[in-house]
């Protein structure tokens, strides 16, 4: 949240756990940055390829061992 607030950037959150997504939404609202967030379910490599990264991007990934599946393309 702190980095998203500092950079004022679009933040896309992927999580298969609905409770984790709801918690993230609540934290974004508490930090008054909820309009900068998009919430999505499971992340696939095809999802990452569809994102318009513009001139720069920062990916922060905590995928608990699923790197080979997500970053396969």
PDB file of N, CA and C in Angstrom:
ATOM      1  N   UNK A   1       0.821  -1.195   0.000  1.00  0.00           N
ATOM      2  CA  UNK A   1       0.000   0.000   0.000  1.00  0.00           C
ATOM      3  C   UNK A   1       0.860   1.251   0.000  1.00  0.00           C
ATOM      4  N   UNK A   2       1.903   1.245   0.779  1.00  0.00           N
ATOM      5  CA  UNK A   2       2.750   2.425   0.875  1.00  0.00           C
ATOM      6  C   UNK A   2       3.373   2.805  -0.451  1.00  0.00           C
ATOM      7  N   UNK A   3       3.871   1.818  -1.181  1.00  0.00           N
ATOM      8  CA  UNK A   3       4.487   2.088  -2.476  1.00  0.00           C
ATOM      9  C   UNK A   3       3.446   2.584  -3.483  1.00  0.00           C
ATOM     10  N   UNK A   4       2.283   1.983  -3.484  1.00  0.00           N
ATOM     11  CA  UNK A   4       1.207   2.414  -4.386  1.00  0.00           C
ATOM     12  C   UNK A   4       0.786   3.849  -4.064  1.00  0.00           C
ATOM     13  N   UNK A   5       0.757   4.165  -2.779  1.00  0.00           N
ATOM     14  CA  UNK A   5       0.383   5.525  -2.378  1.00  0.00           C
ATOM     15  C   UNK A   5       1.464   6.530  -2.774  1.00  0.00           C
ATOM     16  N   UNK A   6       2.708   6.148  -2.587  1.00  0.00           N
ATOM     17  CA  UNK A   6       3.822   7.031  -2.925  1.00  0.00           C
ATOM     18  C   UNK A   6       3.909   7.284  -4.423  1.00  0.00           C
ATOM     19  N   UNK A   7       3.782   6.226  -5.221  1.00  0.00           N
ATOM     20  CA  UNK A   7       3.934   6.344  -6.664  1.00  0.00           C
ATOM     21  C   UNK A   7       2.674   6.805  -7.381  1.00  0.00           C
ATOM     22  N   UNK A   8       1.538   6.740  -6.705  1.00  0.00           N
ATOM     23  CA  UNK A   8       0.252   7.115  -7.315  1.00  0.00           C
ATOM     24  C   UNK A   8       0.061   6.394  -8.640  1.00  0.00           C
ATOM     25  N   UNK A   9       0.305   5.113  -8.625  1.00  0.00           N
ATOM     26  CA  UNK A   9       0.253   4.307  -9.844  1.00  0.00           C
ATOM     27  C   UNK A   9      -0.953   3.368  -9.824  1.00  0.00           C
ATOM     28  N   UNK A  10      -1.265   2.837 -10.983  1.00  0.00           N
ATOM     29  CA  UNK A  10      -2.285   1.805 -11.055  1.00  0.00           C
ATOM     30  C   UNK A  10      -1.693   0.522 -10.483  1.00  0.00           C
ATOM     31  N   UNK A  11      -2.408  -0.105  -9.605  1.00  0.00           N
ATOM     32  CA  UNK A  11      -1.951  -1.336  -8.971  1.00  0.00           C
ATOM     33  C   UNK A  11      -2.957  -2.427  -9.269  1.00  0.00           C
ATOM     34  N   UNK A  12      -2.483  -3.503  -9.873  1.00  0.00           N
ATOM     35  CA  UNK A  12      -3.344  -4.643 -10.189  1.00  0.00           C
ATOM     36  C   UNK A  12      -3.013  -5.748  -9.205  1.00  0.00           C
ATOM     37  N   UNK A  13      -4.017  -6.187  -8.485  1.00  0.00           N
ATOM     38  CA  UNK A  13      -3.835  -7.207  -7.453  1.00  0.00           C
ATOM     39  C   UNK A  13      -4.473  -8.500  -7.928  1.00  0.00           C
ATOM     40  N   UNK A  14      -3.679  -9.563  -7.954  1.00  0.00           N
ATOM     41  CA  UNK A  14      -4.185 -10.896  -8.272  1.00  0.00           C
ATOM     42  C   UNK A  14      -4.127 -11.735  -7.006  1.00  0.00           C
ATOM     43  N   UNK A  15      -5.180 -12.464  -6.724  1.00  0.00           N
ATOM     44  CA  UNK A  15      -5.169 -13.411  -5.606  1.00  0.00           C
ATOM     45  C   UNK A  15      -6.312 -14.393  -5.788  1.00  0.00           C
ATOM     46  N   UNK A  16      -6.051 -15.645  -5.511  1.00  0.00           N
ATOM     47  CA  UNK A  16      -7.097 -16.662  -5.594  1.00  0.00           C
ATOM     48  C   UNK A  16      -7.930 -16.706  -4.320  1.00  0.00           C
ATOM     49  N   UNK A  17      -7.456 -16.052  -3.281  1.00  0.00           N
ATOM     50  CA  UNK A  17      -8.145 -16.030  -1.996  1.00  0.00           C
ATOM     51  C   UNK A  17      -9.027 -14.784  -1.924  1.00  0.00           C
ATOM     52  N   UNK A  18     -10.336 -14.989  -1.932  1.00  0.00           N
ATOM     53  CA  UNK A  18     -11.272 -13.862  -1.924  1.00  0.00           C
ATOM     54  C   UNK A  18     -11.145 -13.013  -0.664  1.00  0.00           C
ATOM     55  N   UNK A  19     -10.853 -13.645   0.464  1.00  0.00           N
ATOM     56  CA  UNK A  19     -10.680 -12.891   1.711  1.00  0.00           C
ATOM     57  C   UNK A  19      -9.466 -11.971   1.624  1.00  0.00           C
ATOM     58  N   UNK A  20      -8.394 -12.439   0.994  1.00  0.00           N
ATOM     59  CA  UNK A  20      -7.194 -11.615   0.827  1.00  0.00           C
ATOM     60  C   UNK A  20      -7.496 -10.414  -0.067  1.00  0.00           C
ATOM     61  N   UNK A  21      -8.273 -10.620  -1.123  1.00  0.00           N
ATOM     62  CA  UNK A  21      -8.659  -9.504  -1.988  1.00  0.00           C
ATOM     63  C   UNK A  21      -9.510  -8.487  -1.229  1.00  0.00           C
ATOM     64  N   UNK A  22     -10.424  -8.965  -0.410  1.00  0.00           N
ATOM     65  CA  UNK A  22     -11.262  -8.062   0.382  1.00  0.00           C
ATOM     66  C   UNK A  22     -10.424  -7.277   1.385  1.00  0.00           C
ATOM     67  N   UNK A  23      -9.443  -7.929   1.974  1.00  0.00           N
ATOM     68  CA  UNK A  23      -8.559  -7.246   2.922  1.00  0.00           C
ATOM     69  C   UNK A  23      -7.753  -6.165   2.204  1.00  0.00           C
ATOM     70  N   UNK A  24      -7.280  -6.476   1.020  1.00  0.00           N
ATOM     71  CA  UNK A  24      -6.540  -5.498   0.225  1.00  0.00           C
ATOM     72  C   UNK A  24      -7.429  -4.303  -0.119  1.00  0.00           C
ATOM     73  N   UNK A  25      -8.666  -4.573  -0.507  1.00  0.00           N
ATOM     74  CA  UNK A  25      -9.615  -3.493  -0.801  1.00  0.00           C
ATOM     75  C   UNK A  25      -9.808  -2.592   0.411  1.00  0.00           C
ATOM     76  N   UNK A  26      -9.961  -3.189   1.573  1.00  0.00           N
ATOM     77  CA  UNK A  26     -10.151  -2.421   2.806  1.00  0.00           C
ATOM     78  C   UNK A  26      -8.936  -1.544   3.107  1.00  0.00           C
ATOM     79  N   UNK A  27      -7.742  -2.101   2.932  1.00  0.00           N
ATOM     80  CA  UNK A  27      -6.526  -1.333   3.183  1.00  0.00           C
ATOM     81  C   UNK A  27      -6.373  -0.185   2.189  1.00  0.00           C
ATOM     82  N   UNK A  28      -6.733  -0.422   0.939  1.00  0.00           N
ATOM     83  CA  UNK A  28      -6.671   0.648  -0.060  1.00  0.00           C
ATOM     84  C   UNK A  28      -7.642   1.773   0.303  1.00  0.00           C
ATOM     85  N   UNK A  29      -8.818   1.415   0.774  1.00  0.00           N
ATOM     86  CA  UNK A  29      -9.800   2.423   1.188  1.00  0.00           C
ATOM     87  C   UNK A  29      -9.295   3.212   2.391  1.00  0.00           C
ATOM     88  N   UNK A  30      -8.708   2.514   3.355  1.00  0.00           N
ATOM     89  CA  UNK A  30      -8.163   3.200   4.538  1.00  0.00           C
ATOM     90  C   UNK A  30      -7.065   4.182   4.160  1.00  0.00           C
ATOM     91  N   UNK A  31      -6.322   3.867   3.116  1.00  0.00           N
ATOM     92  CA  UNK A  31      -5.239   4.730   2.654  1.00  0.00           C
ATOM     93  C   UNK A  31      -5.685   5.723   1.588  1.00  0.00           C
ATOM     94  N   UNK A  32      -6.977   5.717   1.291  1.00  0.00           N
ATOM     95  CA  UNK A  32      -7.581   6.635   0.318  1.00  0.00           C
ATOM     96  C   UNK A  32      -6.929   6.532  -1.061  1.00  0.00           C
ATOM     97  N   UNK A  33      -6.622   5.313  -1.485  1.00  0.00           N
ATOM     98  CA  UNK A  33      -6.036   5.081  -2.808  1.00  0.00           C
ATOM     99  C   UNK A  33      -6.817   4.009  -3.565  1.00  0.00           C
ATOM    100  N   UNK A  34      -8.054   3.781  -3.171  1.00  0.00           N
ATOM    101  CA  UNK A  34      -8.856   2.705  -3.753  1.00  0.00           C
ATOM    102  C   UNK A  34      -9.092   2.863  -5.246  1.00  0.00           C
ATOM    103  N   UNK A  35      -9.084   4.089  -5.756  1.00  0.00           N
ATOM    104  CA  UNK A  35      -9.325   4.277  -7.185  1.00  0.00           C
ATOM    105  C   UNK A  35      -8.133   3.842  -8.033  1.00  0.00           C
ATOM    106  N   UNK A  36      -6.989   3.628  -7.420  1.00  0.00           N
ATOM    107  CA  UNK A  36      -5.783   3.212  -8.143  1.00  0.00           C
ATOM    108  C   UNK A  36      -5.675   1.692  -8.269  1.00  0.00           C
ATOM    109  N   UNK A  37      -6.592   0.942  -7.706  1.00  0.00           N
ATOM    110  CA  UNK A  37      -6.472  -0.509  -7.632  1.00  0.00           C
ATOM    111  C   UNK A  37      -7.464  -1.229  -8.528  1.00  0.00           C
ATOM    112  N   UNK A  38      -7.004  -2.330  -9.106  1.00  0.00           N
ATOM    113  CA  UNK A  38      -7.850  -3.279  -9.822  1.00  0.00           C
ATOM    114  C   UNK A  38      -7.649  -4.627  -9.145  1.00  0.00           C
ATOM    115  N   UNK A  39      -8.721  -5.353  -8.919  1.00  0.00           N
ATOM    116  CA  UNK A  39      -8.653  -6.641  -8.216  1.00  0.00           C
ATOM    117  C   UNK A  39      -9.071  -7.755  -9.158  1.00  0.00           C
ATOM    118  N   UNK A  40      -8.219  -8.771  -9.211  1.00  0.00           N
ATOM    119  CA  UNK A  40      -8.469  -9.895 -10.114  1.00  0.00           C
ATOM    120  C   UNK A  40      -8.189 -11.204  -9.390  1.00  0.00           C
ATOM    121  N   UNK A  41      -8.687 -12.285  -9.947  1.00  0.00           N
ATOM    122  CA  UNK A  41      -8.504 -13.615  -9.354  1.00  0.00           C
ATOM    123  C   UNK A  41      -7.154 -14.212  -9.701  1.00  0.00           C
ATOM    124  N   UNK A  42      -7.151 -15.428 -10.144  1.00  0.00           N
ATOM    125  CA  UNK A  42      -5.921 -16.149 -10.458  1.00  0.00           C
ATOM    126  C   UNK A  42      -5.165 -15.459 -11.593  1.00  0.00           C
ATOM    127  N   UNK A  43      -3.862 -15.369 -11.453  1.00  0.00           N
ATOM    128  CA  UNK A  43      -3.010 -14.746 -12.459  1.00  0.00           C
ATOM    129  C   UNK A  43      -2.394 -15.813 -13.347  1.00  0.00           C
ATOM    130  N   UNK A  44      -2.545 -15.609 -14.648  1.00  0.00           N
ATOM    131  CA  UNK A  44      -1.921 -16.496 -15.638  1.00  0.00           C
ATOM    132  C   UNK A  44      -0.961 -15.658 -16.477  1.00  0.00           C
ATOM    133  N   UNK A  45      -0.030 -16.329 -17.125  1.00  0.00           N
ATOM    134  CA  UNK A  45       0.929 -15.596 -17.951  1.00  0.00           C
ATOM    135  C   UNK A  45       0.209 -14.789 -19.033  1.00  0.00           C
ATOM    136  N   UNK A  46      -0.876 -15.309 -19.566  1.00  0.00           N
ATOM    137  CA  UNK A  46      -1.624 -14.583 -20.596  1.00  0.00           C
ATOM    138  C   UNK A  46      -2.215 -13.285 -20.047  1.00  0.00           C
ATOM    139  N   UNK A  47      -2.557 -13.262 -18.757  1.00  0.00           N
ATOM    140  CA  UNK A  47      -3.063 -12.035 -18.140  1.00  0.00           C
ATOM    141  C   UNK A  47      -1.988 -10.953 -18.129  1.00  0.00           C
ATOM    142  N   UNK A  48      -0.765 -11.341 -17.794  1.00  0.00           N
ATOM    143  CA  UNK A  48       0.329 -10.382 -17.730  1.00  0.00           C
ATOM    144  C   UNK A  48       0.683  -9.833 -19.106  1.00  0.00           C
ATOM    145  N   UNK A  49       0.512 -10.650 -20.127  1.00  0.00           N
ATOM    146  CA  UNK A  49       0.814 -10.212 -21.489  1.00  0.00           C
ATOM    147  C   UNK A  49      -0.212  -9.207 -22.011  1.00  0.00           C
ATOM    148  N   UNK A  50      -1.399  -9.174 -21.446  1.00  0.00           N
ATOM    149  CA  UNK A  50      -2.465  -8.271 -21.895  1.00  0.00           C
ATOM    150  C   UNK A  50      -2.390  -6.884 -21.264  1.00  0.00           C
ATOM    151  N   UNK A  51      -1.592  -6.729 -20.232  1.00  0.00           N
ATOM    152  CA  UNK A  51      -1.516  -5.455 -19.509  1.00  0.00           C
ATOM    153  C   UNK A  51      -0.751  -4.428 -20.337  1.00  0.00           C
ATOM    154  N   UNK A  52      -1.282  -3.213 -20.407  1.00  0.00           N
ATOM    155  CA  UNK A  52      -0.579  -2.111 -21.060  1.00  0.00           C
ATOM    156  C   UNK A  52       0.373  -1.506 -20.031  1.00  0.00           C
ATOM    157  N   UNK A  53       1.654  -1.794 -20.182  1.00  0.00           N
ATOM    158  CA  UNK A  53       2.641  -1.331 -19.215  1.00  0.00           C
ATOM    159  C   UNK A  53       3.120   0.088 -19.461  1.00  0.00           C
ATOM    160  N   UNK A  54       2.775   0.669 -20.588  1.00  0.00           N
ATOM    161  CA  UNK A  54       3.240   2.020 -20.885  1.00  0.00           C
ATOM    162  C   UNK A  54       4.749   2.039 -21.036  1.00  0.00           C
ATOM    163  N   UNK A  55       5.376   3.122 -20.600  1.00  0.00           N
ATOM    164  CA  UNK A  55       6.821   3.257 -20.758  1.00  0.00           C
ATOM    165  C   UNK A  55       7.610   2.576 -19.650  1.00  0.00           C
ATOM    166  N   UNK A  56       6.953   2.237 -18.551  1.00  0.00           N
ATOM    167  CA  UNK A  56       7.663   1.574 -17.462  1.00  0.00           C
ATOM    168  C   UNK A  56       6.676   0.800 -16.597  1.00  0.00           C
ATOM    169  N   UNK A  57       7.221  -0.150 -15.868  1.00  0.00           N
ATOM    170  CA  UNK A  57       6.381  -0.955 -14.983  1.00  0.00           C
ATOM    171  C   UNK A  57       7.242  -1.573 -13.889  1.00  0.00           C
ATOM    172  N   UNK A  58       6.614  -1.869 -12.801  1.00  0.00           N
ATOM    173  CA  UNK A  58       7.262  -2.572 -11.701  1.00  0.00           C
ATOM    174  C   UNK A  58       6.343  -3.724 -11.326  1.00  0.00           C
ATOM    175  N   UNK A  59       6.854  -4.929 -11.380  1.00  0.00           N
ATOM    176  CA  UNK A  59       6.087  -6.104 -10.965  1.00  0.00           C
ATOM    177  C   UNK A  59       6.622  -6.569  -9.622  1.00  0.00           C
ATOM    178  N   UNK A  60       5.760  -6.655  -8.659  1.00  0.00           N
ATOM    179  CA  UNK A  60       6.101  -7.244  -7.361  1.00  0.00           C
ATOM    180  C   UNK A  60       5.306  -8.527  -7.280  1.00  0.00           C
ATOM    181  N   UNK A  61       6.012  -9.633  -7.192  1.00  0.00           N
ATOM    182  CA  UNK A  61       5.371 -10.940  -7.302  1.00  0.00           C
ATOM    183  C   UNK A  61       5.648 -11.773  -6.054  1.00  0.00           C
ATOM    184  N   UNK A  62       4.589 -12.257  -5.455  1.00  0.00           N
ATOM    185  CA  UNK A  62       4.677 -13.205  -4.346  1.00  0.00           C
ATOM    186  C   UNK A  62       3.704 -14.321  -4.688  1.00  0.00           C
ATOM    187  N   UNK A  63       4.198 -15.301  -5.447  1.00  0.00           N
ATOM    188  CA  UNK A  63       3.282 -16.294  -5.998  1.00  0.00           C
ATOM    189  C   UNK A  63       3.487 -17.695  -5.419  1.00  0.00           C
ATOM    190  N   UNK A  64       4.215 -17.778  -4.325  1.00  0.00           N
ATOM    191  CA  UNK A  64       4.315 -19.017  -3.554  1.00  0.00           C
ATOM    192  C   UNK A  64       4.612 -20.256  -4.392  1.00  0.00           C
ATOM    193  N   UNK A  65       5.657 -20.157  -5.210  1.00  0.00           N
ATOM    194  CA  UNK A  65       6.111 -21.317  -5.955  1.00  0.00           C
ATOM    195  C   UNK A  65       5.499 -21.519  -7.325  1.00  0.00           C
ATOM    196  N   UNK A  66       4.672 -20.601  -7.769  1.00  0.00           N
ATOM    197  CA  UNK A  66       4.004 -20.760  -9.071  1.00  0.00           C
ATOM    198  C   UNK A  66       4.705 -19.977 -10.180  1.00  0.00           C
ATOM    199  N   UNK A  67       5.923 -19.528  -9.927  1.00  0.00           N
ATOM    200  CA  UNK A  67       6.642 -18.705 -10.890  1.00  0.00           C
ATOM    201  C   UNK A  67       6.768 -19.376 -12.259  1.00  0.00           C
ATOM    202  N   UNK A  68       7.082 -20.657 -12.273  1.00  0.00           N
ATOM    203  CA  UNK A  68       7.277 -21.380 -13.546  1.00  0.00           C
ATOM    204  C   UNK A  68       6.016 -21.348 -14.398  1.00  0.00           C
ATOM    205  N   UNK A  69       4.846 -21.367 -13.785  1.00  0.00           N
ATOM    206  CA  UNK A  69       3.591 -21.325 -14.540  1.00  0.00           C
ATOM    207  C   UNK A  69       3.250 -19.906 -14.999  1.00  0.00           C
ATOM    208  N   UNK A  70       3.479 -18.943 -14.139  1.00  0.00           N
ATOM    209  CA  UNK A  70       3.106 -17.563 -14.460  1.00  0.00           C
ATOM    210  C   UNK A  70       4.056 -16.947 -15.484  1.00  0.00           C
ATOM    211  N   UNK A  71       5.348 -17.199 -15.339  1.00  0.00           N
ATOM    212  CA  UNK A  71       6.351 -16.569 -16.209  1.00  0.00           C
ATOM    213  C   UNK A  71       6.871 -17.556 -17.256  1.00  0.00           C
ATOM    214  N   UNK A  72       5.984 -18.291 -17.839  1.00  0.00           N
ATOM    215  CA  UNK A  72       6.394 -19.333 -18.805  1.00  0.00           C
ATOM    216  C   UNK A  72       6.488 -18.814 -20.227  1.00  0.00           C
ATOM    217  N   UNK A  73       5.907 -17.677 -20.532  1.00  0.00           N
ATOM    218  CA  UNK A  73       5.923 -17.173 -21.914  1.00  0.00           C
ATOM    219  C   UNK A  73       6.934 -16.059 -22.072  1.00  0.00           C
TER     220      UNK A  73
END
